[in-house]
Structures are given as structure tokens and as C-alpha cells.
Amino acid sequence: MVDAALFDKLVAIRRDLHQHPELSGNETRTSSRVGAWLDELGIAHRRLGNTGLIADLPGRSGAARVALRADLDALPIQEETGLEFASVHPGCMHACGHDGHVSMVLGAAVMLVREPELPAPVRLVFQPAEETGGGAQAMIDAGALAGVGLIFGGHLDRHYPQGTVVVSDGIMNASTDTFHIAITGQGGHAARPHESIDAVVVGSLMVMALQTIVSREVNPAHPSVVTVGRFDAGTAANVIAGQALLEGTIRAQDPDVRSHLQTVVRRMAEAVGKLHGAGVTVAFLEGTPPLRNHPPAAALARRAAAAVVGAANVRELQTANMGGEDFSCYLEKVPGCYVRFGARLLGRESFPAHSSKFDFDENALAVGADYFHAVALLAGAQLRDGSVPGAMANGRT
């Protein structure tokens, strides 16, 4: 378990990372600090790509590896927490707890090194660019899952009290796709609208039409979201806009609903354009898939969490989480489980992740480190014995 001396170190590394955040793909100092910590522990590690890093702890020969993943990147947000260790980089902030995730896995590394023998090798995966959605796949392409039989990750969550761990079978996060709708009308003088095709009017009707998709085209039992986040049109008060751009996101927890949402967004956008004689081009940028936990791995996670916080403090996900998480990319390749660590901070309950005032209860660092240590041992023992359904005994190649 995390002792007082180790906890102080975890708080120190978290605050150092928090003070020096780096955006997706630019986590140079962050990965260097992680590498320095691993060097002190004598753990072999290597870079993957520019800023990713993996470290391997030896275990029983022949067994597949257990992977523990942490994300490195911060967000383009101006911090307004007033913390004494607030970001020194203008417009950049750890507003999602990734500084805490790194500290947790580093804490687990300390305890794993202290073990006389690990039942299976353990791989620590320090991943860049989670916030932009491409980091996990880049790590996979670079070989981060080679020899891995099970993978575990987690996220700080201020919706739950400190000292709790949320573990659920199945879906934990939604898919994250982006749509771009370009509208081509006919610009003209605001005093003579009959001579024009107003892209603002077309776009406005389109926004309202898209809001009916979830309420009228999707089974209410399947959580989903369609949000228009950007509407760009016009240059002056007395000019009818000839061009407009809508951008937004669609979220779903079911693959069939995900596909249906794309189909309906396209159908409605093109229909509204045709109704008003405007040209419409719809494009989609596919993001991360839904995050679905592997039930046998979730059972292991529950055992590990119960050993750390007690069975009464192991909870199920209360409501559908429509946020995205690229840990889902790992789970498409290797069985595993993603949990959430309660980290509610009294006095800051109302500041969600991605807020300029986001912070979390640092006591959750100890919970996370203890959990990752425990789940690595439990999962390693079952990989060694070949008793995890669906897990690859010798790891993914």
C-alpha cells in the first residue's frame, strides 16, 4: 500500500506535472520526467514515437504482460484555479486529471519493483495525445501492445467521492465522431433577400432539424448525442451570407446507433439544403469507438478495487457517460478494463473536467496507485495460470 513517504512523492510529481502542462503531441518534458522517475527505479523503458513511452518490468517467463496505461497530455485552457502550483504556461492546463493518472501509475511502479517476483511481466504505457483522440492508436501502431494479454486504465472523476472506485461491465464511454457541413448559397444585399439564397437561414434550419434526431430517430434506451458546436457564416450586418459552415459531434454507445446517426445527419442536412436550393456537402471524421470493458477483466478490477477501498466503496457507473476516451482503441485489440476513481474535492464540486477551475482530491492518487498495483498482481496471476477467458496467454503480437 502507498505509505506516507510515497504519497508525498506522488503529490510532488503530480504538482510538478500540473505546473508544466504540455499539449497533445508535445509532451516532451512530461515524458522526460516520467523517464527520470523510471531510471531511479531501475526500470527499463523506451520512447514510442516522439513523446510516448513504455516501460517493462520482468515477471514469470512465458506469461503474457499486464499493461497499465496513463495519459500524458494537457488541454488548451487558461487555468483559473488559483493553486500555488498552477500552470506556468499561458493557455495550457491539466484540466482533466492526466497529471494524476501519470502519478498513479508511477506509484504502482514503485510498489511493483518492491515485489520479490511478479506473476507476469508488467508493461507501463505512458501515452500522449489522448485529448485529440489519436494517441492510443499511434501507440498501438508502434507496438505498445506487443506481448500484452490484458490492459487496465482509469480516470479521475469528480462525480464520485474520494475513496470510491467505479467498475462496470460493458460500455463506459461513447464513440466520438465529428461532422462538417458546408453550405453554399448565393450572397447578396440584405435589402434584396429575394435575389439570394441565405446560408444563415439554411444553416439555422439545419441546426434545428438536427436537434430532432436523438428525440425522434433513436431508441430512447440507447444514449446518444448530436451537438452543433460551431456555426460560421456572414461578414457584415447588411450582407446576406452565401457560405456557412456547421461543425459538431455525434456520440453513441452502440455501434448501430453510431452508424445510424451519421446516416440521418447526412440525410437531414442534404434535405434542408435541397428545400432552399443550397448546395450542401457533409463530411465525417471518425473518432474513437465506444469504450467497452471486458467482463472477466472487470471482475479482476472489482477484486483489486475491493482490496484497496473495500467492497462497499466499489460502485457501478451511475449514468451513461457520453464523453470519449481513446483507451477504447486498446480494448478493441486486447481484453481489459477501464475504471473511474472518485476524486470529488469539497468546494470545487461544480467545476467539471475541461473547466479552467478543475481540480481533484489528491488523496485519490494513493487509491489509484494501490489499485494499479493490486490489479497488476491479480491479472498477472491469472495470465500465468491461463484462467482469464478471452485473454491471450502469450500476449498480442
Protein backbone atom coordinates (compact mmCIF):
# COMPACT_ATOMS: atom_id res chain seq x y z
CA MET A 1 0.00 0.00 0.00
CA VAL A 2 1.06 3.61 -0.52
CA ASP A 3 2.85 4.81 2.60
CA ALA A 4 3.23 8.42 3.72
CA ALA A 5 6.64 8.87 2.08
CA LEU A 6 5.45 7.55 -1.28
CA PHE A 7 2.25 9.60 -1.11
CA ASP A 8 4.29 12.76 -0.64
CA LYS A 9 6.30 11.84 -3.75
CA LEU A 10 3.13 11.23 -5.77
CA VAL A 11 1.75 14.62 -4.76
CA ALA A 12 5.06 16.25 -5.68
CA ILE A 13 5.24 14.68 -9.16
CA ARG A 14 1.57 15.47 -9.78
CA ARG A 15 2.09 19.11 -8.87
CA ASP A 16 5.25 19.35 -10.96
CA LEU A 17 3.42 17.98 -13.99
CA HIS A 18 0.45 20.22 -13.30
CA GLN A 19 2.67 23.28 -13.21
CA HIS A 20 4.30 22.37 -16.53
CA PRO A 21 1.48 21.05 -18.76
CA GLU A 22 2.06 20.20 -22.40
CA LEU A 23 -0.44 19.87 -25.23
CA SER A 24 -1.13 16.72 -27.23
CA GLY A 25 1.92 15.58 -29.18
CA ASN A 26 4.23 18.00 -27.36
CA GLU A 27 4.65 16.15 -24.04
CA THR A 28 8.46 16.28 -24.20
CA ARG A 29 9.17 17.46 -20.65
CA THR A 30 6.41 15.27 -19.25
CA SER A 31 7.75 12.06 -20.76
CA SER A 32 11.29 13.06 -19.71
CA ARG A 33 10.14 13.45 -16.11
CA VAL A 34 8.47 10.05 -16.30
CA GLY A 35 11.68 8.57 -17.73
CA ALA A 36 13.74 10.08 -14.92
CA TRP A 37 11.42 8.53 -12.31
CA LEU A 38 11.73 5.13 -14.01
CA ASP A 39 15.52 5.48 -14.18
CA GLU A 40 15.60 5.98 -10.41
CA LEU A 41 13.67 2.74 -10.02
CA GLY A 42 15.92 0.87 -12.44
CA ILE A 43 13.03 0.11 -14.81
CA ALA A 44 13.95 -0.30 -18.47
CA HIS A 45 11.98 1.99 -20.76
CA ARG A 46 11.94 3.32 -24.29
CA ARG A 47 10.25 6.02 -26.32
CA LEU A 48 7.49 5.24 -28.79
CA GLY A 49 7.09 7.98 -31.34
CA ASN A 50 8.08 11.47 -30.26
CA THR A 51 6.65 11.61 -26.76
CA GLY A 52 5.14 8.21 -25.92
CA LEU A 53 6.96 5.91 -23.53
CA ILE A 54 6.69 2.28 -22.44
CA ALA A 55 8.46 0.55 -19.55
CA ASP A 56 8.74 -3.16 -18.86
CA LEU A 57 9.04 -4.89 -15.50
CA PRO A 58 10.11 -8.53 -15.71
CA GLY A 59 7.88 -11.30 -14.44
CA ARG A 60 7.38 -15.01 -14.87
CA SER A 61 8.85 -16.13 -18.18
CA GLY A 62 6.32 -17.23 -20.79
CA ALA A 63 3.37 -15.32 -19.36
CA ALA A 64 1.72 -12.50 -21.27
CA ARG A 65 2.18 -8.96 -19.99
CA VAL A 66 -0.26 -6.94 -17.94
CA ALA A 67 -0.35 -3.37 -19.26
CA LEU A 68 -1.14 -0.30 -17.15
CA ARG A 69 -1.85 2.88 -19.10
CA ALA A 70 -1.62 6.58 -18.19
CA ASP A 71 -2.19 9.59 -20.45
CA LEU A 72 0.27 12.50 -20.56
CA ASP A 73 -1.32 15.48 -22.29
CA ALA A 74 -2.99 18.67 -21.10
CA LEU A 75 -5.61 20.95 -22.65
CA PRO A 76 -5.54 24.39 -24.36
CA ILE A 77 -7.24 26.13 -21.42
CA GLN A 78 -6.15 29.16 -19.39
CA GLU A 79 -6.00 27.98 -15.78
CA GLU A 80 -8.08 29.84 -13.18
CA THR A 81 -7.70 27.60 -10.12
CA GLY A 82 -5.53 29.94 -8.07
CA LEU A 83 -3.43 26.96 -6.96
CA GLU A 84 0.12 27.65 -5.83
CA PHE A 85 1.25 25.09 -8.40
CA ALA A 86 -0.93 26.42 -11.24
CA SER A 87 0.27 26.18 -14.81
CA VAL A 88 3.16 28.43 -15.78
CA HIS A 89 2.28 28.04 -19.47
CA PRO A 90 -0.36 30.54 -20.64
CA GLY A 91 -3.32 28.89 -22.31
CA CYS A 92 -2.35 25.36 -21.27
CA MET A 93 -3.67 23.41 -18.28
CA HIS A 94 -4.09 19.93 -16.85
CA ALA A 95 -7.88 20.26 -16.68
CA CYS A 96 -8.69 16.56 -16.98
CA GLY A 97 -6.52 14.89 -14.34
CA HIS A 98 -3.88 13.36 -16.59
CA ASP A 99 -1.21 14.66 -14.22
CA GLY A 100 -2.87 12.49 -11.59
CA HIS A 101 -3.09 9.44 -13.85
CA VAL A 102 0.66 9.57 -14.52
CA SER A 103 1.37 9.86 -10.79
CA MET A 104 -0.83 6.85 -10.02
CA VAL A 105 0.94 4.56 -12.48
CA LEU A 106 4.35 5.78 -11.29
CA GLY A 107 3.27 4.99 -7.74
CA ALA A 108 2.24 1.50 -8.81
CA ALA A 109 5.65 1.10 -10.44
CA VAL A 110 7.37 1.80 -7.11
CA MET A 111 5.35 -0.91 -5.38
CA LEU A 112 5.76 -3.41 -8.21
CA VAL A 113 9.54 -3.01 -8.10
CA ARG A 114 9.42 -3.88 -4.41
CA GLU A 115 7.73 -7.22 -5.13
CA PRO A 116 10.16 -10.18 -4.86
CA GLU A 117 8.69 -11.64 -8.08
CA LEU A 118 5.85 -10.63 -10.37
CA PRO A 119 3.49 -13.40 -11.52
CA ALA A 120 3.64 -11.97 -15.05
CA PRO A 121 5.59 -9.17 -16.74
CA VAL A 122 4.08 -5.70 -16.43
CA ARG A 123 4.19 -3.01 -19.11
CA LEU A 124 3.65 0.63 -18.21
CA VAL A 125 2.20 2.62 -21.12
CA PHE A 126 2.56 6.40 -20.95
CA GLN A 127 0.51 7.67 -23.85
CA PRO A 128 0.49 11.11 -25.49
CA ALA A 129 -2.41 12.82 -27.25
CA GLU A 130 -5.45 11.32 -25.55
CA GLU A 131 -7.29 14.63 -25.78
CA THR A 132 -7.02 14.71 -29.58
CA GLY A 133 -8.05 11.08 -29.87
CA GLY A 134 -5.09 9.76 -31.86
CA GLY A 135 -2.58 8.86 -29.18
CA ALA A 136 -3.75 5.35 -28.36
CA GLN A 137 -3.82 4.19 -31.96
CA ALA A 138 -0.37 5.66 -32.57
CA MET A 139 0.97 3.72 -29.58
CA ILE A 140 -0.69 0.53 -30.83
CA ASP A 141 0.81 1.03 -34.29
CA ALA A 142 4.23 1.49 -32.68
CA GLY A 143 3.97 -1.82 -30.83
CA ALA A 144 2.76 -0.86 -27.34
CA LEU A 145 0.56 -3.95 -27.12
CA ALA A 146 3.18 -6.49 -28.24
CA GLY A 147 3.10 -9.36 -25.77
CA VAL A 148 0.20 -7.84 -23.79
CA GLY A 149 -2.58 -10.15 -22.61
CA LEU A 150 -4.64 -7.71 -20.51
CA ILE A 151 -4.69 -3.92 -20.18
CA PHE A 152 -6.04 -1.64 -17.44
CA GLY A 153 -6.57 2.11 -17.20
CA GLY A 154 -8.57 4.63 -15.23
CA HIS A 155 -9.73 8.23 -14.90
CA LEU A 156 -10.23 10.61 -12.00
CA ASP A 157 -13.89 11.55 -11.67
CA ARG A 158 -15.26 14.36 -9.50
CA HIS A 159 -18.80 12.91 -9.78
CA TYR A 160 -17.86 10.31 -7.14
CA PRO A 161 -16.47 10.81 -3.62
CA GLN A 162 -12.81 10.22 -2.91
CA GLY A 163 -12.22 6.66 -1.74
CA THR A 164 -14.53 5.05 -4.29
CA VAL A 165 -13.73 3.17 -7.49
CA VAL A 166 -16.28 2.76 -10.29
CA VAL A 167 -16.15 -0.56 -12.16
CA SER A 168 -18.75 -1.66 -14.72
CA ASP A 169 -19.06 -4.39 -17.31
CA GLY A 170 -19.61 -3.26 -20.86
CA ILE A 171 -19.88 0.35 -22.00
CA MET A 172 -18.05 3.08 -20.06
CA ASN A 173 -17.67 5.79 -22.75
CA ALA A 174 -19.28 6.77 -26.02
CA SER A 175 -17.90 6.99 -29.55
CA THR A 176 -16.72 10.43 -30.68
CA ASP A 177 -17.30 11.38 -34.31
CA THR A 178 -17.17 14.87 -35.83
CA PHE A 179 -19.27 16.21 -38.69
CA HIS A 180 -18.59 19.13 -41.05
CA ILE A 181 -21.44 20.60 -43.11
CA ALA A 182 -20.56 23.17 -45.77
CA ILE A 183 -23.49 25.20 -47.12
CA THR A 184 -23.23 27.06 -50.43
CA GLY A 185 -25.97 29.59 -51.12
CA GLN A 186 -25.98 32.87 -53.01
CA GLY A 187 -24.76 36.02 -51.30
CA GLY A 188 -26.37 39.38 -51.87
CA HIS A 189 -27.61 42.64 -50.41
CA ALA A 190 -29.58 42.36 -47.17
CA ALA A 191 -32.22 44.71 -48.62
CA ARG A 192 -32.93 42.31 -51.54
CA PRO A 193 -33.16 38.83 -49.99
CA HIS A 194 -35.25 37.53 -52.94
CA GLU A 195 -32.11 37.71 -55.09
CA SER A 196 -30.12 35.45 -52.74
CA ILE A 197 -30.04 32.05 -51.07
CA ASP A 198 -29.34 32.87 -47.44
CA ALA A 199 -26.82 30.41 -45.99
CA VAL A 200 -27.60 31.69 -42.47
CA VAL A 201 -31.27 30.77 -42.81
CA VAL A 202 -30.40 27.38 -44.31
CA GLY A 203 -27.89 26.71 -41.56
CA SER A 204 -30.30 27.78 -38.83
CA LEU A 205 -33.00 25.44 -40.08
CA MET A 206 -30.41 22.72 -40.30
CA VAL A 207 -29.37 23.20 -36.68
CA MET A 208 -32.99 22.88 -35.53
CA ALA A 209 -33.61 19.84 -37.71
CA LEU A 210 -30.54 18.06 -36.35
CA GLN A 211 -31.87 18.50 -32.80
CA THR A 212 -34.77 16.15 -33.60
CA ILE A 213 -32.52 13.20 -34.45
CA VAL A 214 -31.97 11.91 -30.93
CA SER A 215 -35.57 12.56 -29.80
CA ARG A 216 -37.28 11.11 -32.88
CA GLU A 217 -34.87 8.77 -34.70
CA VAL A 218 -33.07 6.90 -31.92
CA ASN A 219 -34.45 4.35 -29.45
CA PRO A 220 -34.58 6.18 -26.07
CA ALA A 221 -32.94 3.13 -24.48
CA HIS A 222 -29.72 3.91 -26.38
CA PRO A 223 -27.95 7.06 -25.10
CA SER A 224 -26.80 9.34 -27.91
CA VAL A 225 -25.94 12.98 -28.57
CA VAL A 226 -25.93 15.29 -31.60
CA THR A 227 -24.38 18.69 -30.86
CA VAL A 228 -23.62 21.55 -33.26
CA GLY A 229 -20.67 23.32 -31.70
CA ARG A 230 -19.76 25.76 -34.46
CA PHE A 231 -21.81 27.91 -36.87
CA ASP A 232 -19.65 30.17 -39.01
CA ALA A 233 -21.30 32.49 -41.55
CA GLY A 234 -21.53 36.07 -42.70
CA THR A 235 -19.24 39.09 -42.92
CA ALA A 236 -21.44 42.15 -42.33
CA ALA A 237 -24.85 43.19 -40.99
CA ASN A 238 -26.13 44.27 -44.40
CA VAL A 239 -24.82 41.33 -46.43
CA ILE A 240 -26.64 38.03 -46.94
CA ALA A 241 -24.15 35.23 -46.42
CA GLY A 242 -23.51 32.99 -49.36
CA GLN A 243 -21.48 30.45 -47.37
CA ALA A 244 -21.88 28.80 -43.98
CA LEU A 245 -20.12 26.06 -42.05
CA LEU A 246 -21.58 23.89 -39.32
CA GLU A 247 -19.40 21.62 -37.21
CA GLY A 248 -20.41 19.33 -34.41
CA THR A 249 -20.13 15.98 -32.73
CA ILE A 250 -22.19 12.82 -32.55
CA ARG A 251 -21.87 10.43 -29.61
CA ALA A 252 -23.24 6.91 -29.24
CA GLN A 253 -22.66 3.85 -27.10
CA ASP A 254 -23.97 1.34 -29.63
CA PRO A 255 -22.20 0.76 -32.99
CA ASP A 256 -25.50 0.50 -34.90
CA VAL A 257 -26.74 3.78 -33.39
CA ARG A 258 -23.40 5.37 -34.26
CA SER A 259 -23.83 4.40 -37.91
CA HIS A 260 -27.49 5.48 -37.92
CA LEU A 261 -26.63 8.93 -36.54
CA GLN A 262 -24.20 9.54 -39.39
CA THR A 263 -26.79 8.45 -41.95
CA VAL A 264 -29.50 10.71 -40.53
CA VAL A 265 -27.23 13.77 -40.15
CA ARG A 266 -26.36 13.47 -43.82
CA ARG A 267 -29.98 12.89 -44.89
CA MET A 268 -31.35 15.86 -42.96
CA ALA A 269 -28.59 18.27 -43.97
CA GLU A 270 -28.95 17.45 -47.64
CA ALA A 271 -32.75 17.64 -47.45
CA VAL A 272 -32.72 21.10 -45.86
CA GLY A 273 -30.26 22.30 -48.47
CA LYS A 274 -32.41 20.96 -51.30
CA LEU A 275 -35.51 22.57 -49.79
CA HIS A 276 -33.90 26.01 -50.12
CA GLY A 277 -31.85 25.47 -53.26
CA ALA A 278 -28.50 25.50 -51.46
CA GLY A 279 -25.57 23.21 -52.06
CA VAL A 280 -24.61 21.04 -49.10
CA THR A 281 -21.53 18.92 -48.51
CA VAL A 282 -21.39 16.64 -45.47
CA ALA A 283 -18.20 15.03 -44.21
CA PHE A 284 -17.47 12.91 -41.13
CA LEU A 285 -14.27 12.45 -39.21
CA GLU A 286 -14.48 9.20 -37.28
CA GLY A 287 -13.16 9.46 -33.74
CA THR A 288 -12.71 6.87 -31.04
CA PRO A 289 -15.07 3.89 -30.75
CA PRO A 290 -17.24 3.22 -27.69
CA LEU A 291 -15.23 2.02 -24.68
CA ARG A 292 -16.46 -1.44 -23.72
CA ASN A 293 -14.98 -3.25 -20.72
CA HIS A 294 -14.27 -6.97 -20.97
CA PRO A 295 -16.39 -8.68 -18.23
CA PRO A 296 -13.70 -11.09 -16.94
CA ALA A 297 -11.22 -8.19 -16.75
CA ALA A 298 -13.86 -6.11 -14.97
CA ALA A 299 -14.22 -8.92 -12.43
CA LEU A 300 -10.47 -8.69 -11.78
CA ALA A 301 -10.75 -4.91 -11.47
CA ARG A 302 -13.53 -5.27 -8.88
CA ARG A 303 -11.40 -7.62 -6.80
CA ALA A 304 -8.46 -5.23 -6.96
CA ALA A 305 -10.63 -2.21 -6.11
CA ALA A 306 -12.29 -4.02 -3.21
CA ALA A 307 -8.89 -4.90 -1.80
CA VAL A 308 -7.98 -1.20 -1.83
CA VAL A 309 -11.17 0.66 -0.82
CA GLY A 310 -13.44 -2.11 0.48
CA ALA A 311 -16.28 -3.80 -1.38
CA ALA A 312 -18.81 -1.22 -0.17
CA ASN A 313 -16.89 1.52 -1.97
CA VAL A 314 -16.74 -0.24 -5.33
CA ARG A 315 -19.56 1.22 -7.40
CA GLU A 316 -21.21 0.79 -10.77
CA LEU A 317 -21.39 3.64 -13.28
CA GLN A 318 -24.43 5.70 -12.26
CA THR A 319 -25.35 7.25 -15.61
CA ALA A 320 -24.32 6.88 -19.22
CA ASN A 321 -21.01 8.64 -19.86
CA MET A 322 -21.11 10.29 -23.29
CA GLY A 323 -17.54 11.52 -23.15
CA GLY A 324 -14.93 9.86 -25.34
CA GLU A 325 -11.79 8.02 -24.29
CA ASP A 326 -9.24 6.53 -26.67
CA PHE A 327 -8.48 3.69 -24.23
CA SER A 328 -11.27 2.12 -26.29
CA CYS A 329 -8.75 1.56 -29.08
CA TYR A 330 -6.69 -0.72 -26.83
CA LEU A 331 -9.81 -2.67 -25.84
CA GLU A 332 -10.56 -3.40 -29.49
CA LYS A 333 -7.24 -5.27 -29.61
CA VAL A 334 -6.72 -6.66 -26.09
CA PRO A 335 -9.18 -7.50 -23.27
CA GLY A 336 -9.11 -5.13 -20.34
CA CYS A 337 -10.98 -2.77 -18.06
CA TYR A 338 -11.22 0.99 -17.56
CA VAL A 339 -12.33 2.30 -14.16
CA ARG A 340 -13.05 5.66 -12.62
CA PHE A 341 -11.51 6.92 -9.38
CA GLY A 342 -13.69 9.05 -7.13
CA ALA A 343 -11.94 12.38 -6.66
CA ARG A 344 -14.58 14.89 -5.60
CA LEU A 345 -12.93 17.90 -3.98
CA LEU A 346 -15.08 19.78 -1.47
CA GLY A 347 -15.53 23.36 -2.58
CA ARG A 348 -14.84 22.54 -6.23
CA GLU A 349 -17.67 20.08 -6.91
CA SER A 350 -19.20 22.34 -9.56
CA PHE A 351 -16.09 22.54 -11.75
CA PRO A 352 -16.14 19.65 -14.23
CA ALA A 353 -13.30 18.21 -16.25
CA HIS A 354 -12.15 20.60 -19.00
CA SER A 355 -13.05 23.55 -16.78
CA SER A 356 -10.48 26.28 -16.16
CA LYS A 357 -11.06 25.73 -12.42
CA PHE A 358 -10.88 21.92 -12.38
CA ASP A 359 -9.00 20.25 -9.54
CA PHE A 360 -9.30 16.95 -7.66
CA ASP A 361 -8.73 15.47 -4.23
CA GLU A 362 -5.09 14.37 -4.19
CA ASN A 363 -5.88 11.53 -1.79
CA ALA A 364 -7.19 9.75 -4.89
CA LEU A 365 -3.57 9.40 -6.04
CA ALA A 366 -2.96 6.79 -3.35
CA VAL A 367 -6.14 4.92 -4.26
CA GLY A 368 -5.16 4.83 -7.93
CA ALA A 369 -1.60 3.70 -7.26
CA ASP A 370 -2.78 0.95 -4.89
CA TYR A 371 -5.40 -0.16 -7.42
CA PHE A 372 -2.94 -0.41 -10.32
CA HIS A 373 -0.52 -2.34 -8.10
CA ALA A 374 -3.24 -4.75 -6.99
CA VAL A 375 -4.75 -5.31 -10.43
CA ALA A 376 -1.31 -5.94 -11.97
CA LEU A 377 -0.69 -8.73 -9.45
CA LEU A 378 -4.17 -10.27 -9.73
CA ALA A 379 -4.26 -10.10 -13.52
CA GLY A 380 -0.69 -11.37 -13.75
CA ALA A 381 -1.52 -14.41 -11.63
CA GLN A 382 -4.48 -15.27 -13.85
CA LEU A 383 -2.49 -14.78 -17.03
CA ARG A 384 0.18 -17.04 -15.59
CA ASP A 385 -2.43 -19.69 -14.89
CA GLY A 386 -4.29 -19.16 -18.17
CA SER A 387 -7.58 -18.54 -16.33
CA VAL A 388 -8.83 -15.30 -17.93
CA PRO A 389 -11.48 -16.02 -20.62
CA GLY A 390 -10.67 -14.21 -23.85
CA ALA A 391 -7.18 -13.13 -22.77
CA MET A 392 -4.25 -14.14 -24.92
CA ALA A 393 -1.96 -16.37 -22.88
CA ASN A 394 1.16 -15.23 -24.70
CA GLY A 395 0.02 -11.70 -25.40
CA ARG A 396 -0.81 -9.82 -28.56
CA THR A 397 1.82 -9.82 -31.30
